[in-house]
Amino acid sequence: MQPSLPLLHFAFRLPTHASGSACLSQWVFHHLIIPLLQGFLLHIFFFFFIPFFFLSPILCCGYLPFFYHLRVADMLSGVRVLRCVTGVAQAAFPDATPATASSTASCTDSSAASSGCASAKRGLRPLYLDMQSTTPLDPRVLDRMLPYMTEQYGNPHSRTHSYGWAAEAAVEKARAQVADLIGANAKGIIFTSGATESNNIAIKGVANYNKGVKNHVVTLQTEHKCVLDSCRYLEMDGFEVTYLPVEKNGLVNLQKLDEAIRPTTALVSCMYVNNEIGVIQPIREIGEICKRKKVFFHTDAAQALGKVPIDVELDNIDLMSLSSHKVYGPKGCGALYMRRRPRVRVRSPISGGGQERGVRSGTVATPLVVGFGAACEIAKQEMARDTQRITRLSARLLDGLKRRLSHITVNGDIEKRYPGNLNISIACVEGESLLMGMKSVALSSGSACTSASLEPSYVLRALGIDAENAHTSIRFGIGRFTTEREIDVTIEECVRTVERLREMSPLWDLLQEGKGLSDVEWR
């Protein structure tokens, strides 16, 4: 389904044909000036042309203020929609910069790709290459969501009137769209607030339901923080947890996993695509091991949804955590897939009205769920094309950096990885310093959930990388709306910043003299 013409007009035309002030003046003219004139003429009509109509003063005094109020409210809501759609268009289509922004700087010299020039061309907004933290909302997704924010605002659990019926139908359609993307039965999809909540329900729910019979959980040292924290919570509650190490390439050793499963093991939890280094775990093989040993298998697929093909039946997945904002959908929405045959049972940590089959009580946010479903539908249609583009752009970025900079290492397996996640270590350059130097490019040095910590990445440490080299890592996130021009600008900015930082580093001088960093005595 294509987005409606008015929204397409805003999303594609608005940033290029007029400045924000010009658009605002048009809204004021059409939604305030004209309605006020109409009301004034109506007022004159009542008082002068129908004087015998004795109710005219009452009608005018009562109607006109209400009329003005409606038009002013309409104008304000229009301004809000204008700002919202303009922001989405700029985020989703970075090349469609406003005329006022592009006219502020004429970058015609050799420094066209420098940070200042790039920022001027983009209206002082940095390039966005942090797709693992979040993705921009696809304008087509917003188009599907808007009616359920303004017109179809019913509660999907209210089944006594048409508003509730319409909302419920929209939620069930979204449920089917999410299920279709992962090859699941729609009845197995439970909507949540995000992957963090889904992980908590899956891990704690399965463990607590089987408490007293099975009290052991297996997971990896490289899992997302919410998975590790959920397992630590279970340890405080008397459960035993095995944190399996990974190989130097970030992949789990299947034999060690097989050996770690006990007769008392209730659950194995393993991330599908790692959020920091992008490696893809052998999910199908892990699922076969768990099925053979009759252990429930949970995977955090927040970074895999819409990026790699998923089939819960072929992969023998019992529980799967999903996130909307990682697949160009709205934030604040996610899902938990739960197998129905054989049925997976959990003890829900939330008490309430019993919505979502009693697993996750609380009113479902219809606009967010509709957006999530639309994002999944678009992802299924465009996954192959997106993957091809992203693979090409990732290779362009890595080749460009390696061609101009030495001592660059890719963290994680170079083959079994999602190409949109490029995590590299640059010798003698701290990742945090590089991030601060590249102000015109939005990047990350690791998980957004732990970015406030200055400790080295526990994921990289699990790969056997020492603390000093773990501090030199940086993550490039490439997505659906990333362009070749953005990749080229990023290469130029990264090379310029790295060269400047290396000039100030005494370790770089030692490395140039042929001394390895391992020979340096760190203090």
Protein backbone atom coordinates (compact mmCIF):
# COMPACT_ATOMS: atom_id res chain seq x y z
CA MET A 1 0.00 0.00 0.00
CA GLN A 2 1.45 3.36 -1.05
CA PRO A 3 1.26 6.40 1.24
CA SER A 4 -1.41 8.97 0.55
CA LEU A 5 -0.73 11.83 -1.84
CA PRO A 6 -0.91 14.66 0.75
CA LEU A 7 1.70 13.06 2.99
CA LEU A 8 3.92 12.26 0.03
CA HIS A 9 3.62 15.89 -1.01
CA PHE A 10 4.80 17.02 2.39
CA ALA A 11 7.50 14.38 2.81
CA PHE A 12 9.13 14.93 -0.57
CA ARG A 13 8.28 18.47 -1.62
CA LEU A 14 8.22 20.43 1.60
CA PRO A 15 11.94 20.47 2.47
CA THR A 16 12.99 21.55 -1.05
CA HIS A 17 10.55 24.18 -2.24
CA ALA A 18 10.22 26.55 0.69
CA SER A 19 11.68 27.52 3.99
CA GLY A 20 10.00 26.74 7.29
CA SER A 21 8.87 30.35 7.77
CA ALA A 22 7.28 30.47 4.32
CA CYS A 23 5.38 27.24 4.97
CA LEU A 24 4.27 28.54 8.34
CA SER A 25 2.98 31.77 6.80
CA GLN A 26 0.94 29.73 4.32
CA TRP A 27 -0.62 27.77 7.19
CA VAL A 28 -1.42 31.00 9.04
CA PHE A 29 -3.02 32.50 5.93
CA HIS A 30 -5.18 29.49 5.08
CA HIS A 31 -6.07 28.37 8.60
CA LEU A 32 -6.36 31.63 10.52
CA ILE A 33 -6.73 34.73 8.30
CA ILE A 34 -9.29 33.29 5.88
CA PRO A 35 -11.48 31.69 8.61
CA LEU A 36 -11.48 34.95 10.61
CA LEU A 37 -12.59 36.89 7.52
CA GLN A 38 -15.31 34.33 6.92
CA GLY A 39 -16.52 34.72 10.48
CA PHE A 40 -16.49 38.52 10.22
CA LEU A 41 -18.59 38.45 7.03
CA LEU A 42 -21.01 36.04 8.65
CA HIS A 43 -21.29 38.41 11.60
CA ILE A 44 -22.20 41.31 9.28
CA PHE A 45 -24.71 39.12 7.46
CA PHE A 46 -26.53 38.27 10.68
CA PHE A 47 -26.70 41.84 12.02
CA PHE A 48 -27.40 43.89 8.88
CA PHE A 49 -29.10 41.65 6.34
CA ILE A 50 -31.39 39.74 8.71
CA PRO A 51 -32.29 42.33 11.39
CA PHE A 52 -35.66 40.75 11.99
CA PHE A 53 -33.97 37.54 13.09
CA PHE A 54 -34.07 38.25 16.84
CA LEU A 55 -31.71 35.43 17.73
CA SER A 56 -28.88 36.77 15.60
CA PRO A 57 -26.98 38.45 18.49
CA ILE A 58 -27.13 35.27 20.53
CA LEU A 59 -26.07 33.12 17.60
CA CYS A 60 -23.24 35.44 16.65
CA CYS A 61 -21.93 35.89 20.18
CA GLY A 62 -22.05 32.15 20.77
CA TYR A 63 -20.95 30.91 17.39
CA LEU A 64 -18.14 33.24 16.40
CA PRO A 65 -15.83 32.71 19.40
CA PHE A 66 -16.34 28.97 19.04
CA PHE A 67 -15.64 29.30 15.32
CA TYR A 68 -12.44 31.26 15.97
CA HIS A 69 -11.36 28.71 18.57
CA LEU A 70 -11.75 25.86 16.10
CA ARG A 71 -9.75 27.62 13.43
CA VAL A 72 -6.93 28.58 15.81
CA ALA A 73 -6.80 25.00 17.09
CA ASP A 74 -6.72 23.79 13.50
CA MET A 75 -3.84 26.14 12.74
CA LEU A 76 -1.83 24.95 15.75
CA SER A 77 -2.39 21.29 14.92
CA GLY A 78 -1.36 22.02 11.35
CA VAL A 79 1.90 23.56 12.53
CA ARG A 80 2.57 20.48 14.65
CA VAL A 81 1.94 18.15 11.71
CA LEU A 82 4.14 20.38 9.53
CA ARG A 83 7.04 20.15 11.97
CA CYS A 84 6.58 16.40 12.43
CA VAL A 85 6.49 15.56 8.73
CA THR A 86 9.35 17.93 7.90
CA GLY A 87 11.53 16.29 10.53
CA VAL A 88 10.71 12.81 9.26
CA ALA A 89 11.44 13.82 5.67
CA GLN A 90 14.82 15.29 6.62
CA ALA A 91 15.73 12.19 8.63
CA ALA A 92 14.59 9.73 5.99
CA PHE A 93 15.79 11.66 2.94
CA PRO A 94 18.97 13.47 3.99
CA ASP A 95 19.73 14.72 0.49
CA ALA A 96 16.46 16.69 0.36
CA THR A 97 17.80 19.65 2.35
CA PRO A 98 15.88 22.92 2.68
CA ALA A 99 16.73 25.65 0.24
CA THR A 100 17.62 28.03 3.07
CA ALA A 101 20.10 25.55 4.49
CA SER A 102 21.82 24.84 1.21
CA SER A 103 22.07 28.50 0.37
CA THR A 104 23.94 29.34 3.56
CA ALA A 105 27.15 27.79 2.30
CA SER A 106 28.58 27.21 -1.14
CA CYS A 107 31.07 24.37 -0.80
CA THR A 108 32.85 24.46 -4.12
CA ASP A 109 36.45 23.89 -3.04
CA SER A 110 38.28 20.72 -2.09
CA SER A 111 36.92 20.88 1.45
CA ALA A 112 33.37 20.10 0.32
CA ALA A 113 33.36 16.91 2.35
CA SER A 114 34.72 18.48 5.53
CA SER A 115 32.64 18.63 8.68
CA GLY A 116 31.74 22.30 8.49
CA CYS A 117 30.70 22.16 4.87
CA ALA A 118 28.81 18.91 5.30
CA SER A 119 26.96 20.35 8.28
CA ALA A 120 26.09 23.50 6.34
CA LYS A 121 24.76 21.49 3.44
CA ARG A 122 22.62 19.45 5.83
CA GLY A 123 21.22 22.38 7.77
CA LEU A 124 23.59 21.78 10.74
CA ARG A 125 22.27 18.24 11.24
CA PRO A 126 24.96 15.53 11.39
CA LEU A 127 24.94 12.49 9.13
CA TYR A 128 23.27 9.56 10.87
CA LEU A 129 25.24 6.31 10.95
CA ASP A 130 23.99 4.81 14.21
CA MET A 131 21.30 2.48 12.89
CA GLN A 132 21.92 -0.14 15.59
CA SER A 133 20.81 2.35 18.26
CA THR A 134 17.64 3.27 16.40
CA THR A 135 16.37 3.80 12.88
CA PRO A 136 14.45 6.77 11.47
CA LEU A 137 10.72 6.35 11.11
CA ASP A 138 9.89 5.45 7.53
CA PRO A 139 7.47 8.10 6.14
CA ARG A 140 5.27 5.31 4.80
CA VAL A 141 4.96 3.98 8.35
CA LEU A 142 3.95 7.41 9.65
CA ASP A 143 1.29 7.60 6.95
CA ARG A 144 -0.27 4.38 8.26
CA MET A 145 -0.13 5.59 11.87
CA LEU A 146 -1.69 9.05 11.51
CA PRO A 147 -5.36 7.96 11.16
CA TYR A 148 -5.12 6.08 14.47
CA MET A 149 -3.81 9.19 16.20
CA THR A 150 -6.54 11.52 14.95
CA GLU A 151 -9.65 9.68 13.73
CA GLN A 152 -9.60 6.02 14.78
CA TYR A 153 -8.65 6.62 18.41
CA GLY A 154 -10.70 3.83 19.95
CA ASN A 155 -9.46 1.38 22.56
CA PRO A 156 -8.81 -1.97 20.82
CA HIS A 157 -10.17 -3.75 23.90
CA SER A 158 -13.52 -1.91 23.79
CA ARG A 159 -15.85 -4.24 21.93
CA THR A 160 -19.13 -2.40 22.36
CA HIS A 161 -18.80 0.21 19.58
CA SER A 162 -17.30 0.81 16.15
CA TYR A 163 -14.29 2.76 17.44
CA GLY A 164 -13.10 -0.24 19.41
CA TRP A 165 -13.85 -2.64 16.56
CA ALA A 166 -11.80 -0.57 14.11
CA ALA A 167 -8.86 -0.37 16.51
CA GLU A 168 -9.02 -4.09 17.24
CA ALA A 169 -9.04 -4.90 13.53
CA ALA A 170 -5.98 -2.69 13.02
CA VAL A 171 -4.13 -4.39 15.88
CA GLU A 172 -4.91 -7.87 14.54
CA LYS A 173 -3.76 -6.85 11.07
CA ALA A 174 -0.48 -5.62 12.54
CA ARG A 175 -0.14 -8.87 14.47
CA ALA A 176 -0.44 -10.80 11.21
CA GLN A 177 2.11 -8.53 9.51
CA VAL A 178 4.68 -9.10 12.26
CA ALA A 179 4.04 -12.85 12.23
CA ASP A 180 4.38 -13.01 8.46
CA LEU A 181 7.88 -11.52 8.60
CA ILE A 182 9.17 -14.28 10.89
CA GLY A 183 7.11 -17.18 9.53
CA ALA A 184 4.98 -17.52 12.66
CA ASN A 185 1.34 -17.99 13.60
CA ALA A 186 -0.25 -14.63 14.34
CA LYS A 187 -1.70 -15.99 17.59
CA GLY A 188 1.84 -16.39 18.89
CA ILE A 189 2.62 -12.65 18.70
CA ILE A 190 2.36 -10.73 21.99
CA PHE A 191 2.75 -6.96 21.73
CA THR A 192 4.98 -5.29 24.33
CA SER A 193 6.70 -1.94 24.83
CA GLY A 194 9.94 -3.15 23.24
CA ALA A 195 12.60 -5.85 23.12
CA THR A 196 13.75 -5.15 26.68
CA GLU A 197 10.32 -5.98 28.08
CA SER A 198 10.06 -8.99 25.77
CA ASN A 199 13.41 -10.32 27.00
CA ASN A 200 12.36 -9.89 30.62
CA ILE A 201 9.04 -11.68 30.10
CA ALA A 202 10.68 -14.52 28.18
CA ILE A 203 13.61 -15.21 30.51
CA LYS A 204 12.00 -14.53 33.88
CA GLY A 205 8.62 -15.86 32.78
CA VAL A 206 9.84 -19.27 31.59
CA ALA A 207 12.23 -19.68 34.53
CA ASN A 208 9.62 -18.82 37.15
CA TYR A 209 6.96 -21.01 35.54
CA ASN A 210 9.31 -24.01 35.70
CA LYS A 211 10.74 -23.12 39.11
CA GLY A 212 11.04 -26.16 41.34
CA VAL A 213 11.40 -28.50 38.37
CA LYS A 214 14.11 -26.84 36.31
CA ASN A 215 16.34 -24.15 37.78
CA HIS A 216 19.12 -23.68 35.21
CA VAL A 217 19.51 -21.15 32.37
CA VAL A 218 22.20 -20.95 29.66
CA THR A 219 23.17 -17.73 27.88
CA LEU A 220 26.19 -16.07 26.26
CA GLN A 221 28.62 -13.53 27.67
CA THR A 222 27.95 -11.26 24.68
CA GLU A 223 24.20 -10.91 25.19
CA HIS A 224 22.39 -7.59 25.52
CA LYS A 225 22.52 -6.03 28.96
CA CYS A 226 18.82 -6.62 29.64
CA VAL A 227 19.32 -10.37 29.07
CA LEU A 228 22.36 -10.52 31.34
CA ASP A 229 20.63 -8.47 34.03
CA SER A 230 17.56 -10.73 33.85
CA CYS A 231 19.80 -13.74 34.37
CA ARG A 232 21.52 -12.07 37.33
CA TYR A 233 18.08 -11.40 38.79
CA LEU A 234 17.30 -15.11 38.51
CA GLU A 235 20.59 -15.97 40.23
CA MET A 236 19.53 -13.85 43.21
CA ASP A 237 16.28 -15.84 43.22
CA GLY A 238 18.08 -19.16 43.51
CA PHE A 239 18.53 -20.13 39.84
CA GLU A 240 21.80 -21.27 38.32
CA VAL A 241 23.03 -19.52 35.17
CA THR A 242 25.82 -20.57 32.82
CA TYR A 243 27.40 -17.68 30.88
CA LEU A 244 29.06 -19.32 27.90
CA PRO A 245 32.16 -17.68 26.39
CA VAL A 246 32.39 -17.12 22.65
CA GLU A 247 35.18 -17.65 20.16
CA LYS A 248 37.45 -14.81 19.03
CA ASN A 249 35.13 -14.20 16.09
CA GLY A 250 32.16 -13.70 18.43
CA LEU A 251 30.38 -16.97 17.56
CA VAL A 252 29.35 -19.59 20.09
CA ASN A 253 31.01 -23.00 20.18
CA LEU A 254 28.16 -25.42 19.53
CA GLN A 255 29.87 -28.32 21.29
CA LYS A 256 30.35 -26.27 24.46
CA LEU A 257 26.72 -25.20 24.27
CA ASP A 258 25.61 -28.81 23.96
CA GLU A 259 27.71 -29.78 26.96
CA ALA A 260 26.40 -26.87 29.06
CA ILE A 261 22.76 -28.03 28.87
CA ARG A 262 21.71 -30.10 31.87
CA PRO A 263 18.58 -32.12 32.69
CA THR A 264 17.54 -29.17 34.89
CA THR A 265 18.02 -26.55 32.14
CA ALA A 266 14.81 -24.64 31.48
CA LEU A 267 15.96 -22.16 28.85
CA VAL A 268 18.76 -21.28 26.44
CA SER A 269 18.94 -17.61 25.40
CA CYS A 270 21.14 -16.53 22.49
CA MET A 271 21.06 -13.30 20.49
CA TYR A 272 20.36 -13.65 16.76
CA VAL A 273 22.45 -10.69 15.52
CA ASN A 274 24.77 -9.04 18.03
CA ASN A 275 23.97 -5.39 18.55
CA GLU A 276 27.61 -4.30 18.98
CA ILE A 277 29.62 -6.35 16.49
CA GLY A 278 26.90 -7.60 14.11
CA VAL A 279 27.83 -11.30 14.09
CA ILE A 280 25.04 -13.75 13.23
CA GLN A 281 24.92 -16.75 15.54
CA PRO A 282 24.17 -20.24 14.14
CA ILE A 283 20.56 -20.03 15.28
CA ARG A 284 19.27 -23.06 13.38
CA GLU A 285 21.94 -25.33 14.84
CA ILE A 286 21.30 -23.99 18.34
CA GLY A 287 17.57 -24.59 17.86
CA GLU A 288 18.20 -28.18 16.83
CA ILE A 289 20.30 -28.80 19.95
CA CYS A 290 17.61 -27.35 22.21
CA LYS A 291 14.85 -29.32 20.49
CA ARG A 292 16.81 -32.54 20.83
CA LYS A 293 17.39 -31.91 24.54
CA LYS A 294 13.81 -30.65 25.10
CA VAL A 295 14.88 -27.22 26.31
CA PHE A 296 13.12 -23.98 25.41
CA PHE A 297 15.14 -21.75 23.06
CA HIS A 298 14.83 -17.94 23.26
CA THR A 299 16.55 -15.48 20.93
CA ASP A 300 16.77 -11.70 21.05
CA ALA A 301 16.15 -10.83 17.39
CA ALA A 302 15.83 -7.05 17.77
CA GLN A 303 18.82 -6.49 15.47
CA ALA A 304 17.84 -9.27 13.06
CA LEU A 305 14.22 -8.42 12.29
CA GLY A 306 13.82 -7.18 8.74
CA LYS A 307 17.55 -7.51 8.08
CA VAL A 308 18.09 -11.26 7.78
CA PRO A 309 15.55 -13.94 6.78
CA ILE A 310 13.86 -15.47 9.84
CA ASP A 311 11.68 -18.57 10.06
CA VAL A 312 10.80 -19.61 13.59
CA GLU A 313 9.67 -23.05 12.44
CA LEU A 314 12.83 -23.94 10.52
CA ASP A 315 15.03 -22.43 13.23
CA ASN A 316 13.18 -24.25 16.05
CA ILE A 317 12.73 -21.01 17.99
CA ASP A 318 10.35 -21.13 20.97
CA LEU A 319 10.52 -17.49 22.06
CA MET A 320 11.73 -14.44 20.13
CA SER A 321 12.04 -10.79 21.22
CA LEU A 322 11.38 -8.09 18.60
CA SER A 323 11.64 -4.31 18.47
CA SER A 324 9.83 -1.82 16.25
CA HIS A 325 12.29 1.08 16.21
CA LYS A 326 15.11 -1.12 14.92
CA VAL A 327 13.16 -1.75 11.70
CA TYR A 328 12.11 1.85 10.81
CA GLY A 329 9.02 1.69 13.01
CA PRO A 330 7.97 3.80 16.02
CA LYS A 331 9.68 3.67 19.39
CA GLY A 332 7.87 2.28 22.40
CA CYS A 333 6.58 -0.86 20.69
CA GLY A 334 7.87 -4.41 20.42
CA ALA A 335 6.69 -7.99 20.42
CA LEU A 336 7.36 -11.38 21.93
CA TYR A 337 6.82 -14.47 19.83
CA MET A 338 5.76 -17.52 21.85
CA ARG A 339 5.40 -20.94 20.26
CA ARG A 340 1.93 -22.46 20.63
CA ARG A 341 2.67 -26.08 19.63
CA PRO A 342 4.21 -27.28 21.84
CA ARG A 343 2.93 -24.41 23.96
CA VAL A 344 5.41 -22.25 25.83
CA ARG A 345 4.07 -21.08 29.17
CA VAL A 346 5.37 -18.14 31.19
CA ARG A 347 4.54 -16.56 34.51
CA SER A 348 3.76 -12.97 33.60
CA PRO A 349 5.48 -10.30 35.72
CA ILE A 350 2.61 -7.86 35.00
CA SER A 351 -0.80 -7.98 36.66
CA GLY A 352 -3.80 -6.28 35.11
CA GLY A 353 -6.66 -6.69 32.70
CA GLY A 354 -5.30 -9.80 31.02
CA GLN A 355 -4.70 -8.26 27.61
CA GLU A 356 -2.44 -10.00 25.08
CA ARG A 357 -3.61 -13.44 26.17
CA GLY A 358 -2.76 -12.71 29.79
CA VAL A 359 0.96 -12.43 29.09
CA ARG A 360 1.22 -8.64 28.95
CA SER A 361 -1.61 -6.73 30.61
CA GLY A 362 -2.23 -3.13 29.61
CA THR A 363 -3.94 -1.26 26.78
CA VAL A 364 -2.24 -1.87 23.45
CA ALA A 365 -1.06 1.38 21.82
CA THR A 366 -2.89 1.10 18.51
CA PRO A 367 -0.90 3.74 16.53
CA LEU A 368 2.44 2.22 17.58
CA VAL A 369 1.32 -1.32 16.82
CA VAL A 370 -0.04 -0.26 13.42
CA GLY A 371 3.31 1.39 12.68
CA PHE A 372 5.17 -1.74 13.76
CA GLY A 373 3.05 -3.88 11.47
CA ALA A 374 3.55 -1.52 8.54
CA ALA A 375 7.31 -1.48 9.14
CA CYS A 376 7.38 -5.29 9.08
CA GLU A 377 5.36 -5.39 5.86
CA ILE A 378 7.73 -2.93 4.17
CA ALA A 379 10.76 -4.80 5.52
CA LYS A 380 9.58 -8.06 3.98
CA GLN A 381 9.04 -6.40 0.60
CA GLU A 382 12.37 -4.56 0.56
CA MET A 383 14.70 -6.80 2.58
CA ALA A 384 16.57 -8.21 -0.41
CA ARG A 385 17.06 -4.81 -2.01
CA ASP A 386 18.06 -3.19 1.28
CA THR A 387 20.59 -5.93 2.02
CA GLN A 388 22.17 -5.56 -1.41
CA ARG A 389 22.50 -1.78 -1.03
CA ILE A 390 23.77 -1.95 2.54
CA THR A 391 26.33 -4.62 1.66
CA ARG A 392 27.68 -2.41 -1.12
CA LEU A 393 27.82 0.67 1.11
CA SER A 394 29.50 -1.24 3.94
CA ALA A 395 32.19 -2.52 1.58
CA ARG A 396 32.66 1.01 0.23
CA LEU A 397 33.13 2.35 3.76
CA LEU A 398 35.55 -0.35 4.90
CA ASP A 399 37.60 -0.25 1.68
CA GLY A 400 37.78 3.54 1.82
CA LEU A 401 39.05 3.51 5.40
CA LYS A 402 41.55 0.69 4.86
CA ARG A 403 42.89 2.32 1.72
CA ARG A 404 43.80 5.51 3.59
CA LEU A 405 44.40 4.31 7.14
CA SER A 406 46.56 1.49 8.47
CA HIS A 407 46.13 -0.75 11.52
CA ILE A 408 42.36 -1.16 11.23
CA THR A 409 40.76 -4.35 12.58
CA VAL A 410 37.19 -5.55 12.05
CA ASN A 411 35.72 -6.88 15.29
CA GLY A 412 33.76 -10.10 14.94
CA ASP A 413 33.53 -12.65 12.16
CA ILE A 414 34.13 -11.01 8.78
CA GLU A 415 31.76 -13.33 6.91
CA LYS A 416 28.97 -14.36 9.30
CA ARG A 417 27.76 -10.87 10.08
CA TYR A 418 25.09 -8.36 9.19
CA PRO A 419 26.76 -5.90 6.78
CA GLY A 420 24.96 -2.86 8.19
CA ASN A 421 26.92 -3.20 11.44
CA LEU A 422 30.61 -2.38 10.95
CA ASN A 423 32.52 -2.42 14.24
CA ILE A 424 36.22 -1.65 13.83
CA SER A 425 39.18 -0.86 16.06
CA ILE A 426 41.61 1.86 14.95
CA ALA A 427 45.00 1.51 16.62
CA CYS A 428 46.20 4.40 18.82
CA VAL A 429 42.85 6.23 18.62
CA GLU A 430 40.34 6.09 21.45
CA GLY A 431 36.81 5.56 20.24
CA GLU A 432 35.39 8.29 22.48
CA SER A 433 37.94 10.81 21.17
CA LEU A 434 37.08 9.86 17.61
CA LEU A 435 33.36 10.31 18.30
CA MET A 436 33.92 13.77 19.75
CA GLY A 437 36.14 14.72 16.82
CA MET A 438 33.63 13.60 14.18
CA LYS A 439 30.89 16.03 15.17
CA SER A 440 29.32 16.04 11.71
CA VAL A 441 28.64 12.27 11.84
CA ALA A 442 26.44 10.57 14.44
CA LEU A 443 28.18 7.34 15.47
CA SER A 444 28.49 5.08 18.49
CA SER A 445 31.25 3.16 20.22
CA GLY A 446 28.91 0.40 21.40
CA SER A 447 25.44 -0.32 22.71
CA ALA A 448 23.22 2.72 23.23
CA CYS A 449 22.00 1.14 26.47
CA THR A 450 25.50 1.29 28.00
CA SER A 451 26.96 4.28 26.13
CA ALA A 452 27.04 6.40 29.32
CA SER A 453 29.68 4.07 30.77
CA LEU A 454 33.36 4.67 30.05
CA GLU A 455 34.19 1.03 30.76
CA PRO A 456 35.47 -0.97 27.77
CA SER A 457 32.82 -2.96 25.92
CA TYR A 458 32.15 -6.26 27.67
CA VAL A 459 31.28 -7.73 24.27
CA LEU A 460 34.74 -6.96 22.89
CA ARG A 461 36.34 -8.17 26.12
CA ALA A 462 34.49 -11.47 25.66
CA LEU A 463 36.19 -11.79 22.26
CA GLY A 464 39.56 -11.74 24.03
CA ILE A 465 40.37 -8.11 23.16
CA ASP A 466 42.28 -6.33 25.92
CA ALA A 467 40.86 -3.25 27.60
CA GLU A 468 43.17 -0.81 25.82
CA ASN A 469 42.28 -2.03 22.34
CA ALA A 470 38.61 -2.34 23.27
CA HIS A 471 38.66 1.41 23.91
CA THR A 472 39.68 1.99 20.27
CA SER A 473 36.49 0.53 18.80
CA ILE A 474 33.84 2.45 16.90
CA ARG A 475 30.61 1.24 15.29
CA PHE A 476 29.21 2.40 11.95
CA GLY A 477 25.51 1.68 11.42
CA ILE A 478 24.31 1.71 7.80
CA GLY A 479 20.63 1.56 6.92
CA ARG A 480 17.88 1.92 4.35
CA PHE A 481 18.26 5.66 3.85
CA THR A 482 22.06 5.86 3.92
CA THR A 483 23.52 7.26 0.69
CA GLU A 484 26.87 6.87 -1.07
CA ARG A 485 27.52 10.56 -0.52
CA GLU A 486 27.12 10.08 3.23
CA ILE A 487 29.58 7.19 3.14
CA ASP A 488 32.14 9.30 1.26
CA VAL A 489 31.71 12.22 3.68
CA THR A 490 32.13 9.82 6.61
CA ILE A 491 35.35 8.42 5.16
CA GLU A 492 36.81 11.90 4.71
CA GLU A 493 35.79 12.99 8.19
CA CYS A 494 37.05 9.80 9.83
CA VAL A 495 40.42 9.91 8.04
CA ARG A 496 40.92 13.57 8.91
CA THR A 497 40.10 13.03 12.58
CA VAL A 498 42.17 9.84 12.93
CA GLU A 499 45.23 11.48 11.37
CA ARG A 500 44.91 14.46 13.71
CA LEU A 501 44.54 12.24 16.79
CA ARG A 502 47.41 9.99 15.79
CA GLU A 503 49.69 12.98 15.40
CA MET A 504 49.16 13.68 19.11
CA SER A 505 49.65 10.04 20.21
CA PRO A 506 53.11 8.86 21.38
CA LEU A 507 51.92 5.28 20.91
CA TRP A 508 51.48 5.94 17.20
CA ASP A 509 55.14 6.99 16.99
CA LEU A 510 56.17 3.73 18.66
CA LEU A 511 54.01 1.76 16.26
CA GLN A 512 55.60 3.55 13.33
CA GLU A 513 59.02 2.53 14.65
CA GLY A 514 58.00 -1.10 14.45
CA LYS A 515 57.19 -1.69 18.11
CA GLY A 516 53.97 -3.58 18.76
CA LEU A 517 51.38 -2.23 21.14
CA SER A 518 51.65 -5.46 23.14
CA ASP A 519 55.27 -4.53 23.93
CA VAL A 520 54.19 -1.29 25.58
CA GLU A 521 53.97 -1.39 29.38
CA TRP A 522 50.55 0.08 30.16
CA ARG A 523 50.25 1.95 33.44
